[in-house]
Amino acid sequence: MTTDDAPLPARLATARRRFEEWRSTRTRPCRIPPELWKAAVRCATQYGVYRTVCALGLDYNSVKRRMKADGGAQPRASRPVRFVELAAIGRNAPPECTVELESRQGVKLRLELRGSGVPDLVDLVRRFAAEDA
């Protein structure tokens, strides 16, 4: 299932219906009403600009400009990060990295890893996420 095939979240589906209704009732070209723009900006902030413009049939740059004018709202990441690559360190340098995680409730976990004895990070992250559920 691709992003285009995925069902729309309720707020985005409602905005889409409102835009479709507005487009079907106008008889000549006119500007999009401010309340529809506000709904589009809210959706773009919550679900991402690309997903919103595709669902509502809007111009990407117009939505970005409106978001910036609306107090600098930044779109949230529409999907959680599922893969993070840790770059390999040169052979002569001791391996070292820092991993930082934050739960939905704001609980933070910071790991500073040095040397070759690296713990099972996947298991550790799963346990941290389980505490968040």
N, C-alpha and C. Protein backbone atom coordinates (compact mmCIF):
# COMPACT_ATOMS: atom_id res chain seq x y z
N MET A 1 0.84 -1.17 0.00
CA MET A 1 0.00 0.00 0.00
C MET A 1 0.89 1.24 0.00
N THR A 2 0.71 2.12 -0.96
CA THR A 2 1.49 3.34 -1.03
C THR A 2 0.80 4.44 -0.25
N THR A 3 1.48 5.57 -0.11
CA THR A 3 0.91 6.71 0.61
C THR A 3 -0.38 7.17 -0.06
N ASP A 4 -0.42 7.13 -1.40
CA ASP A 4 -1.60 7.58 -2.13
C ASP A 4 -2.80 6.66 -1.90
N ASP A 5 -2.55 5.38 -1.61
CA ASP A 5 -3.61 4.41 -1.39
C ASP A 5 -4.12 4.42 0.05
N ALA A 6 -3.34 4.97 0.95
CA ALA A 6 -3.69 4.93 2.37
C ALA A 6 -4.92 5.79 2.62
N PRO A 7 -5.81 5.33 3.51
CA PRO A 7 -6.98 6.15 3.84
C PRO A 7 -6.54 7.45 4.52
N LEU A 8 -7.29 8.51 4.26
CA LEU A 8 -6.95 9.81 4.84
C LEU A 8 -7.37 9.88 6.29
N PRO A 9 -6.58 10.55 7.13
CA PRO A 9 -7.01 10.80 8.51
C PRO A 9 -8.29 11.64 8.49
N ALA A 10 -9.05 11.57 9.56
CA ALA A 10 -10.36 12.23 9.62
C ALA A 10 -10.29 13.72 9.31
N ARG A 11 -9.34 14.43 9.93
CA ARG A 11 -9.24 15.89 9.72
C ARG A 11 -8.95 16.21 8.26
N LEU A 12 -8.07 15.44 7.64
CA LEU A 12 -7.71 15.68 6.24
C LEU A 12 -8.88 15.32 5.31
N ALA A 13 -9.60 14.25 5.63
CA ALA A 13 -10.76 13.86 4.82
C ALA A 13 -11.85 14.93 4.91
N THR A 14 -12.05 15.50 6.10
CA THR A 14 -13.04 16.56 6.28
C THR A 14 -12.65 17.79 5.47
N ALA A 15 -11.38 18.15 5.53
CA ALA A 15 -10.91 19.31 4.75
C ALA A 15 -11.09 19.06 3.25
N ARG A 16 -10.82 17.84 2.83
CA ARG A 16 -10.99 17.51 1.41
C ARG A 16 -12.45 17.68 0.99
N ARG A 17 -13.39 17.19 1.81
CA ARG A 17 -14.81 17.35 1.50
C ARG A 17 -15.20 18.83 1.45
N ARG A 18 -14.67 19.63 2.38
CA ARG A 18 -14.97 21.06 2.38
C ARG A 18 -14.46 21.73 1.10
N PHE A 19 -13.24 21.38 0.68
CA PHE A 19 -12.70 21.95 -0.56
C PHE A 19 -13.51 21.51 -1.77
N GLU A 20 -13.89 20.23 -1.82
CA GLU A 20 -14.68 19.73 -2.95
C GLU A 20 -16.03 20.43 -3.02
N GLU A 21 -16.66 20.63 -1.86
CA GLU A 21 -17.95 21.32 -1.81
C GLU A 21 -17.80 22.76 -2.28
N TRP A 22 -16.76 23.44 -1.80
CA TRP A 22 -16.53 24.83 -2.21
C TRP A 22 -16.28 24.91 -3.72
N ARG A 23 -15.47 24.00 -4.23
CA ARG A 23 -15.16 24.03 -5.68
C ARG A 23 -16.41 23.74 -6.52
N SER A 24 -17.29 22.89 -6.03
CA SER A 24 -18.48 22.53 -6.81
C SER A 24 -19.53 23.64 -6.82
N THR A 25 -19.48 24.56 -5.86
CA THR A 25 -20.51 25.60 -5.78
C THR A 25 -20.11 26.91 -6.44
N ARG A 26 -18.88 27.12 -6.76
CA ARG A 26 -18.50 28.40 -7.36
C ARG A 26 -18.73 28.36 -8.87
N THR A 27 -19.15 29.50 -9.39
CA THR A 27 -19.48 29.58 -10.81
C THR A 27 -18.37 30.21 -11.64
N ARG A 28 -17.48 30.93 -11.00
CA ARG A 28 -16.35 31.55 -11.72
C ARG A 28 -15.11 31.47 -10.83
N PRO A 29 -13.94 31.66 -11.40
CA PRO A 29 -12.72 31.58 -10.59
C PRO A 29 -12.74 32.64 -9.48
N CYS A 30 -12.37 32.22 -8.29
CA CYS A 30 -12.27 33.15 -7.16
C CYS A 30 -11.26 32.60 -6.17
N ARG A 31 -10.88 33.44 -5.23
CA ARG A 31 -9.89 33.07 -4.23
C ARG A 31 -10.47 32.05 -3.24
N ILE A 32 -9.58 31.21 -2.73
CA ILE A 32 -9.98 30.25 -1.71
C ILE A 32 -10.27 31.03 -0.43
N PRO A 33 -11.41 30.75 0.22
CA PRO A 33 -11.76 31.47 1.45
C PRO A 33 -10.73 31.24 2.56
N PRO A 34 -10.55 32.25 3.43
CA PRO A 34 -9.56 32.14 4.51
C PRO A 34 -9.78 30.93 5.43
N GLU A 35 -11.05 30.57 5.70
CA GLU A 35 -11.28 29.43 6.59
C GLU A 35 -10.81 28.11 5.97
N LEU A 36 -10.87 28.01 4.64
CA LEU A 36 -10.34 26.81 3.98
C LEU A 36 -8.82 26.80 4.02
N TRP A 37 -8.21 27.97 3.85
CA TRP A 37 -6.75 28.05 3.96
C TRP A 37 -6.30 27.66 5.37
N LYS A 38 -7.03 28.11 6.37
CA LYS A 38 -6.67 27.76 7.75
C LYS A 38 -6.74 26.26 7.96
N ALA A 39 -7.76 25.63 7.42
CA ALA A 39 -7.89 24.17 7.53
C ALA A 39 -6.73 23.48 6.81
N ALA A 40 -6.34 24.01 5.66
CA ALA A 40 -5.23 23.42 4.90
C ALA A 40 -3.91 23.55 5.68
N VAL A 41 -3.69 24.69 6.30
CA VAL A 41 -2.46 24.90 7.08
C VAL A 41 -2.43 23.97 8.29
N ARG A 42 -3.57 23.81 8.97
CA ARG A 42 -3.63 22.89 10.11
C ARG A 42 -3.30 21.46 9.66
N CYS A 43 -3.87 21.05 8.54
CA CYS A 43 -3.61 19.70 8.03
C CYS A 43 -2.14 19.55 7.63
N ALA A 44 -1.57 20.55 6.97
CA ALA A 44 -0.18 20.47 6.55
C ALA A 44 0.75 20.41 7.75
N THR A 45 0.41 21.11 8.81
CA THR A 45 1.22 21.08 10.02
C THR A 45 1.17 19.70 10.66
N GLN A 46 0.01 19.09 10.64
CA GLN A 46 -0.15 17.79 11.29
C GLN A 46 0.29 16.62 10.41
N TYR A 47 -0.03 16.65 9.12
CA TYR A 47 0.20 15.49 8.26
C TYR A 47 1.29 15.69 7.22
N GLY A 48 1.85 16.88 7.14
CA GLY A 48 2.88 17.15 6.15
C GLY A 48 2.32 17.89 4.95
N VAL A 49 3.17 18.71 4.34
CA VAL A 49 2.73 19.55 3.23
C VAL A 49 2.39 18.71 2.00
N TYR A 50 3.25 17.77 1.65
CA TYR A 50 3.03 16.98 0.43
C TYR A 50 1.71 16.21 0.50
N ARG A 51 1.49 15.53 1.60
CA ARG A 51 0.26 14.74 1.73
C ARG A 51 -0.97 15.64 1.66
N THR A 52 -0.88 16.81 2.27
CA THR A 52 -2.00 17.75 2.28
C THR A 52 -2.29 18.30 0.90
N VAL A 53 -1.27 18.75 0.19
CA VAL A 53 -1.52 19.34 -1.13
C VAL A 53 -2.06 18.30 -2.11
N CYS A 54 -1.61 17.06 -1.97
CA CYS A 54 -2.14 16.00 -2.83
C CYS A 54 -3.61 15.74 -2.52
N ALA A 55 -3.96 15.69 -1.25
CA ALA A 55 -5.33 15.40 -0.85
C ALA A 55 -6.28 16.54 -1.17
N LEU A 56 -5.81 17.78 -1.05
CA LEU A 56 -6.69 18.93 -1.22
C LEU A 56 -6.58 19.60 -2.59
N GLY A 57 -5.64 19.16 -3.41
CA GLY A 57 -5.48 19.75 -4.74
C GLY A 57 -4.99 21.18 -4.70
N LEU A 58 -4.00 21.44 -3.86
CA LEU A 58 -3.46 22.78 -3.71
C LEU A 58 -2.02 22.85 -4.22
N ASP A 59 -1.52 24.07 -4.36
CA ASP A 59 -0.15 24.30 -4.77
C ASP A 59 0.78 24.19 -3.57
N TYR A 60 1.84 23.41 -3.70
CA TYR A 60 2.78 23.16 -2.61
C TYR A 60 3.35 24.47 -2.05
N ASN A 61 3.86 25.32 -2.92
CA ASN A 61 4.50 26.56 -2.47
C ASN A 61 3.50 27.52 -1.81
N SER A 62 2.26 27.51 -2.27
CA SER A 62 1.25 28.37 -1.64
C SER A 62 0.98 27.93 -0.21
N VAL A 63 0.90 26.62 0.00
CA VAL A 63 0.68 26.12 1.36
C VAL A 63 1.88 26.44 2.24
N LYS A 64 3.09 26.25 1.74
CA LYS A 64 4.30 26.56 2.51
C LYS A 64 4.32 28.04 2.90
N ARG A 65 3.97 28.94 1.96
CA ARG A 65 3.93 30.37 2.26
C ARG A 65 2.90 30.68 3.35
N ARG A 66 1.74 30.06 3.23
CA ARG A 66 0.68 30.29 4.24
C ARG A 66 1.12 29.77 5.60
N MET A 67 1.82 28.67 5.64
CA MET A 67 2.30 28.13 6.91
C MET A 67 3.29 29.09 7.56
N LYS A 68 4.18 29.62 6.74
CA LYS A 68 5.18 30.56 7.24
C LYS A 68 4.51 31.83 7.76
N ALA A 69 3.50 32.31 7.04
CA ALA A 69 2.78 33.52 7.44
C ALA A 69 1.93 33.28 8.69
N ASP A 70 1.59 32.03 8.93
CA ASP A 70 0.74 31.67 10.08
C ASP A 70 1.58 31.39 11.31
N GLY A 71 2.56 32.22 11.56
CA GLY A 71 3.37 32.06 12.76
C GLY A 71 4.50 31.07 12.64
N GLY A 72 4.87 30.74 11.43
CA GLY A 72 6.01 29.85 11.24
C GLY A 72 5.75 28.40 11.61
N ALA A 73 4.50 27.95 11.47
CA ALA A 73 4.18 26.56 11.78
C ALA A 73 5.02 25.63 10.92
N GLN A 74 5.62 24.66 11.55
CA GLN A 74 6.45 23.70 10.85
C GLN A 74 5.70 22.38 10.75
N PRO A 75 5.74 21.73 9.58
CA PRO A 75 5.07 20.45 9.47
C PRO A 75 5.74 19.39 10.32
N ARG A 76 4.94 18.55 10.94
CA ARG A 76 5.48 17.43 11.69
C ARG A 76 5.88 16.35 10.71
N ALA A 77 6.81 15.53 11.13
CA ALA A 77 7.17 14.39 10.30
C ALA A 77 5.95 13.50 10.19
N SER A 78 5.59 13.13 8.95
CA SER A 78 4.39 12.36 8.77
C SER A 78 4.57 10.90 9.14
N ARG A 79 5.78 10.43 9.17
CA ARG A 79 6.04 9.04 9.54
C ARG A 79 7.19 8.98 10.53
N PRO A 80 7.12 8.05 11.46
CA PRO A 80 8.23 7.90 12.39
C PRO A 80 9.45 7.35 11.67
N VAL A 81 10.62 7.69 12.16
CA VAL A 81 11.85 7.18 11.57
C VAL A 81 11.94 5.70 11.89
N ARG A 82 12.17 4.88 10.89
CA ARG A 82 12.22 3.44 11.10
C ARG A 82 13.64 2.89 10.95
N PHE A 83 14.53 3.66 10.34
CA PHE A 83 15.89 3.18 10.13
C PHE A 83 16.85 4.33 10.31
N VAL A 84 17.87 4.11 11.07
CA VAL A 84 18.91 5.11 11.26
C VAL A 84 20.24 4.42 11.01
N GLU A 85 21.03 4.97 10.10
CA GLU A 85 22.34 4.38 9.80
C GLU A 85 23.40 5.08 10.63
N LEU A 86 24.21 4.30 11.30
CA LEU A 86 25.34 4.83 12.04
C LEU A 86 26.56 4.69 11.15
N ALA A 87 27.18 5.81 10.82
CA ALA A 87 28.33 5.79 9.92
C ALA A 87 29.50 5.06 10.56
N ALA A 88 30.21 4.31 9.75
CA ALA A 88 31.38 3.58 10.24
C ALA A 88 32.51 4.56 10.56
N ILE A 89 33.22 4.27 11.62
CA ILE A 89 34.35 5.10 12.04
C ILE A 89 35.62 4.47 11.50
N GLY A 90 36.63 5.30 11.25
CA GLY A 90 37.90 4.79 10.72
C GLY A 90 38.47 3.66 11.58
N ARG A 91 39.32 2.85 11.02
CA ARG A 91 39.84 1.67 11.71
C ARG A 91 40.72 2.02 12.91
N ASN A 92 41.43 3.11 12.85
CA ASN A 92 42.34 3.46 13.93
C ASN A 92 41.67 4.17 15.10
N ALA A 93 40.51 4.74 14.87
CA ALA A 93 39.82 5.47 15.92
C ALA A 93 38.95 4.52 16.73
N PRO A 94 38.87 4.72 18.04
CA PRO A 94 37.97 3.87 18.84
C PRO A 94 36.52 4.18 18.48
N PRO A 95 35.67 3.15 18.33
CA PRO A 95 34.28 3.41 17.97
C PRO A 95 33.58 4.20 19.08
N GLU A 96 32.84 5.21 18.68
CA GLU A 96 32.17 6.08 19.64
C GLU A 96 30.95 6.70 18.97
N CYS A 97 29.83 6.72 19.66
CA CYS A 97 28.64 7.41 19.14
C CYS A 97 27.70 7.73 20.30
N THR A 98 26.77 8.63 20.02
CA THR A 98 25.75 9.00 20.99
C THR A 98 24.40 8.75 20.36
N VAL A 99 23.52 8.07 21.09
CA VAL A 99 22.17 7.78 20.63
C VAL A 99 21.21 8.46 21.59
N GLU A 100 20.29 9.27 21.05
CA GLU A 100 19.30 9.94 21.88
C GLU A 100 17.91 9.56 21.41
N LEU A 101 17.06 9.17 22.35
CA LEU A 101 15.68 8.81 22.06
C LEU A 101 14.76 9.65 22.93
N GLU A 102 13.56 9.96 22.42
CA GLU A 102 12.57 10.66 23.22
C GLU A 102 11.22 10.01 22.98
N SER A 103 10.52 9.67 24.06
CA SER A 103 9.21 9.04 23.94
C SER A 103 8.15 10.08 23.66
N ARG A 104 6.95 9.62 23.36
CA ARG A 104 5.84 10.54 23.11
C ARG A 104 5.50 11.37 24.34
N GLN A 105 5.77 10.82 25.52
CA GLN A 105 5.49 11.56 26.75
C GLN A 105 6.63 12.50 27.13
N GLY A 106 7.71 12.51 26.36
CA GLY A 106 8.83 13.40 26.62
C GLY A 106 9.95 12.79 27.44
N VAL A 107 9.86 11.49 27.74
CA VAL A 107 10.93 10.83 28.48
C VAL A 107 12.12 10.66 27.53
N LYS A 108 13.30 11.04 28.01
CA LYS A 108 14.49 11.01 27.15
C LYS A 108 15.47 9.94 27.61
N LEU A 109 16.13 9.32 26.64
CA LEU A 109 17.16 8.33 26.89
C LEU A 109 18.36 8.71 26.04
N ARG A 110 19.51 8.87 26.67
CA ARG A 110 20.74 9.23 25.96
C ARG A 110 21.79 8.19 26.27
N LEU A 111 22.37 7.61 25.23
CA LEU A 111 23.41 6.60 25.38
C LEU A 111 24.69 7.10 24.73
N GLU A 112 25.77 7.08 25.47
CA GLU A 112 27.07 7.41 24.91
C GLU A 112 27.85 6.11 24.83
N LEU A 113 28.09 5.66 23.62
CA LEU A 113 28.72 4.37 23.40
C LEU A 113 30.18 4.57 23.00
N ARG A 114 31.08 3.93 23.75
CA ARG A 114 32.51 4.02 23.46
C ARG A 114 33.10 2.63 23.51
N GLY A 115 34.05 2.40 22.64
CA GLY A 115 34.72 1.10 22.63
C GLY A 115 33.96 0.09 21.78
N SER A 116 34.46 -1.12 21.77
CA SER A 116 33.88 -2.13 20.89
C SER A 116 32.73 -2.89 21.54
N GLY A 117 32.54 -2.78 22.85
CA GLY A 117 31.46 -3.50 23.52
C GLY A 117 30.15 -2.76 23.41
N VAL A 118 29.47 -2.85 22.27
CA VAL A 118 28.22 -2.15 22.03
C VAL A 118 27.07 -3.07 22.44
N PRO A 119 26.16 -2.58 23.29
CA PRO A 119 25.02 -3.41 23.70
C PRO A 119 24.06 -3.64 22.54
N ASP A 120 23.12 -4.53 22.75
CA ASP A 120 22.11 -4.81 21.74
C ASP A 120 21.14 -3.62 21.68
N LEU A 121 21.41 -2.68 20.77
CA LEU A 121 20.62 -1.45 20.70
C LEU A 121 19.17 -1.70 20.31
N VAL A 122 18.95 -2.67 19.43
CA VAL A 122 17.58 -2.94 18.99
C VAL A 122 16.73 -3.36 20.18
N ASP A 123 17.25 -4.27 21.01
CA ASP A 123 16.51 -4.73 22.18
C ASP A 123 16.28 -3.57 23.15
N LEU A 124 17.29 -2.75 23.34
CA LEU A 124 17.18 -1.62 24.25
C LEU A 124 16.11 -0.63 23.79
N VAL A 125 16.08 -0.32 22.50
CA VAL A 125 15.10 0.61 21.95
C VAL A 125 13.69 0.01 22.06
N ARG A 126 13.55 -1.28 21.80
CA ARG A 126 12.24 -1.93 21.94
C ARG A 126 11.74 -1.84 23.38
N ARG A 127 12.61 -2.07 24.33
CA ARG A 127 12.21 -1.99 25.74
C ARG A 127 11.83 -0.56 26.12
N PHE A 128 12.56 0.42 25.61
CA PHE A 128 12.25 1.82 25.87
C PHE A 128 10.90 2.18 25.28
N ALA A 129 10.63 1.70 24.05
CA ALA A 129 9.35 1.99 23.38
C ALA A 129 8.21 1.28 24.11
N ALA A 130 8.45 0.10 24.65
CA ALA A 130 7.40 -0.65 25.36
C ALA A 130 6.99 0.11 26.62
N GLU A 131 7.92 0.79 27.26
CA GLU A 131 7.60 1.57 28.45
C GLU A 131 6.70 2.75 28.09
N ASP A 132 6.81 3.22 26.82
CA ASP A 132 6.05 4.37 26.35
C ASP A 132 4.60 4.00 26.04
N ALA A 133 4.37 2.74 25.74
CA ALA A 133 3.02 2.32 25.30
C ALA A 133 2.02 2.28 26.43
